[in-house]
Amino acid sequence: MAKQVFRDGTEVVGFYARAVKTGPFVFVSGTTSLDAKGRVQGKDAAQQTVVTMRKVESALKAAGAKLTDLTRLTIFVTDIRDMEPISKALDKALRGSVVSATMVGVSQLAVPGLLVEIESTAMVEV
């Protein structure tokens, strides 16, 4: 089965892309609020979640999907106490869509200042 690769310029190494589509599935790599110059966008976990979900939405769109096609989220957070503001930001971003999700507390993310990283899977008609 062929796969399509979608880059957004914020990947920090060359072996991965923001999204890969294969068959009906779109896999979006762990996505953060980093901009194209590697700067953290958003001062708190909720703001970083909003920026991150915009990037996820953009990756999905490039691959022919939308947020309502999401089936799975894995949310990595550096402080599990941020669960409530992150959840509220996700609920707003998803606009009523329901997904399966897991939130995992981690000691740190790849760049100092990052508080949230989200990977996702969507399914679209082929």
Protein backbone atom coordinates (compact mmCIF):
# COMPACT_ATOMS: atom_id res chain seq x y z
CA MET A 1 0.00 0.00 0.00
CA ALA A 2 1.41 3.39 -0.97
CA LYS A 3 1.97 6.09 1.57
CA GLN A 4 1.96 9.84 1.22
CA VAL A 5 4.21 12.05 3.33
CA PHE A 6 3.31 15.58 4.48
CA ARG A 7 5.90 17.92 6.00
CA ASP A 8 5.26 21.30 7.59
CA GLY A 9 8.81 22.57 8.12
CA THR A 10 8.83 22.15 11.90
CA GLU A 11 10.23 18.62 11.91
CA VAL A 12 13.53 18.69 13.80
CA VAL A 13 15.13 15.71 12.01
CA GLY A 14 14.74 14.30 8.52
CA PHE A 15 13.52 10.76 9.22
CA TYR A 16 9.95 11.74 10.03
CA ALA A 17 7.21 13.93 8.65
CA ARG A 18 4.36 15.76 10.34
CA ALA A 19 1.86 13.34 8.80
CA VAL A 20 1.80 10.13 6.83
CA LYS A 21 -1.27 8.83 5.02
CA THR A 22 -1.56 5.16 4.18
CA GLY A 23 -4.86 3.66 3.09
CA PRO A 24 -7.65 5.24 5.11
CA PHE A 25 -5.33 6.24 7.97
CA VAL A 26 -3.57 9.53 8.63
CA PHE A 27 -0.91 9.36 11.33
CA VAL A 28 0.19 12.72 12.72
CA SER A 29 3.55 12.70 14.48
CA GLY A 30 3.97 14.03 17.98
CA THR A 31 3.19 17.71 17.48
CA THR A 32 4.11 20.62 19.72
CA SER A 33 3.71 24.38 19.68
CA LEU A 34 7.19 24.95 18.20
CA ASP A 35 7.26 27.37 15.30
CA ALA A 36 9.42 26.93 12.18
CA LYS A 37 12.38 28.54 14.01
CA GLY A 38 12.09 26.15 16.96
CA ARG A 39 10.58 28.66 19.37
CA VAL A 40 7.91 27.59 21.86
CA GLN A 41 4.57 29.28 21.21
CA GLY A 42 2.19 29.67 24.16
CA LYS A 43 3.01 30.58 27.74
CA ASP A 44 1.00 27.85 29.44
CA ALA A 45 -0.26 24.34 28.70
CA ALA A 46 -3.67 25.51 27.45
CA GLN A 47 -2.16 28.02 25.01
CA GLN A 48 0.35 25.45 23.79
CA THR A 49 -2.51 22.98 23.25
CA VAL A 50 -4.39 25.51 21.11
CA VAL A 51 -1.32 26.14 18.93
CA THR A 52 -0.56 22.43 18.73
CA MET A 53 -4.08 21.53 17.64
CA ARG A 54 -3.92 24.18 14.90
CA LYS A 55 -0.80 22.41 13.59
CA VAL A 56 -2.52 19.02 13.85
CA GLU A 57 -5.50 20.42 11.94
CA SER A 58 -3.20 21.80 9.25
CA ALA A 59 -1.42 18.44 8.90
CA LEU A 60 -4.74 16.64 8.62
CA LYS A 61 -5.94 19.08 5.98
CA ALA A 62 -2.78 18.54 3.91
CA ALA A 63 -3.52 14.81 4.02
CA GLY A 64 -7.17 15.25 3.04
CA ALA A 65 -8.63 14.86 6.53
CA LYS A 66 -10.16 17.10 9.17
CA LEU A 67 -10.41 17.20 12.95
CA THR A 68 -13.72 15.32 12.85
CA ASP A 69 -11.84 12.40 11.26
CA LEU A 70 -9.61 11.99 14.34
CA THR A 71 -10.01 8.67 16.10
CA ARG A 72 -7.14 8.72 18.60
CA LEU A 73 -5.04 11.22 20.57
CA THR A 74 -2.08 10.63 22.81
CA ILE A 75 -1.27 13.71 24.87
CA PHE A 76 2.11 13.95 26.59
CA VAL A 77 2.32 16.55 29.37
CA THR A 78 5.14 17.61 31.65
CA ASP A 79 2.71 18.35 34.50
CA ILE A 80 -0.34 16.12 34.84
CA ARG A 81 -1.93 18.85 36.99
CA ASP A 82 -2.48 20.71 33.68
CA MET A 83 -5.02 18.06 32.67
CA GLU A 84 -8.05 20.32 33.17
CA PRO A 85 -6.89 23.33 31.10
CA ILE A 86 -5.51 21.02 28.40
CA SER A 87 -8.78 19.07 28.30
CA LYS A 88 -10.79 22.29 27.99
CA ALA A 89 -8.55 23.49 25.14
CA LEU A 90 -8.88 20.11 23.40
CA ASP A 91 -12.66 20.11 23.79
CA LYS A 92 -12.83 23.55 22.20
CA ALA A 93 -10.45 22.59 19.37
CA LEU A 94 -12.33 19.36 18.61
CA ARG A 95 -15.64 21.25 18.41
CA GLY A 96 -17.71 18.44 19.86
CA SER A 97 -15.94 15.53 18.14
CA VAL A 98 -15.27 12.52 20.31
CA VAL A 99 -11.99 10.56 20.15
CA SER A 100 -10.27 7.91 22.19
CA ALA A 101 -7.47 9.56 24.14
CA THR A 102 -4.69 8.94 26.60
CA MET A 103 -2.86 11.59 28.62
CA VAL A 104 0.60 10.66 29.84
CA GLY A 105 2.75 12.57 32.30
CA VAL A 106 6.42 12.74 31.22
CA SER A 107 9.46 14.26 32.88
CA GLN A 108 10.29 16.48 29.91
CA LEU A 109 9.74 17.03 26.21
CA ALA A 110 12.36 17.60 23.48
CA VAL A 111 12.75 21.37 23.93
CA PRO A 112 12.83 23.27 27.24
CA GLY A 113 9.57 25.14 27.78
CA LEU A 114 7.39 22.65 25.93
CA LEU A 115 4.54 21.50 28.16
CA VAL A 116 2.37 19.52 25.71
CA GLU A 117 2.94 17.17 22.77
CA ILE A 118 0.08 15.50 20.91
CA GLU A 119 0.16 12.62 18.43
CA SER A 120 -2.97 11.59 16.61
CA THR A 121 -4.57 9.21 14.18
CA ALA A 122 -7.42 9.93 11.79
CA MET A 123 -9.36 7.71 9.44
CA VAL A 124 -10.75 8.94 6.12
CA GLU A 125 -12.64 7.37 3.27
CA VAL A 126 -10.39 6.25 0.40
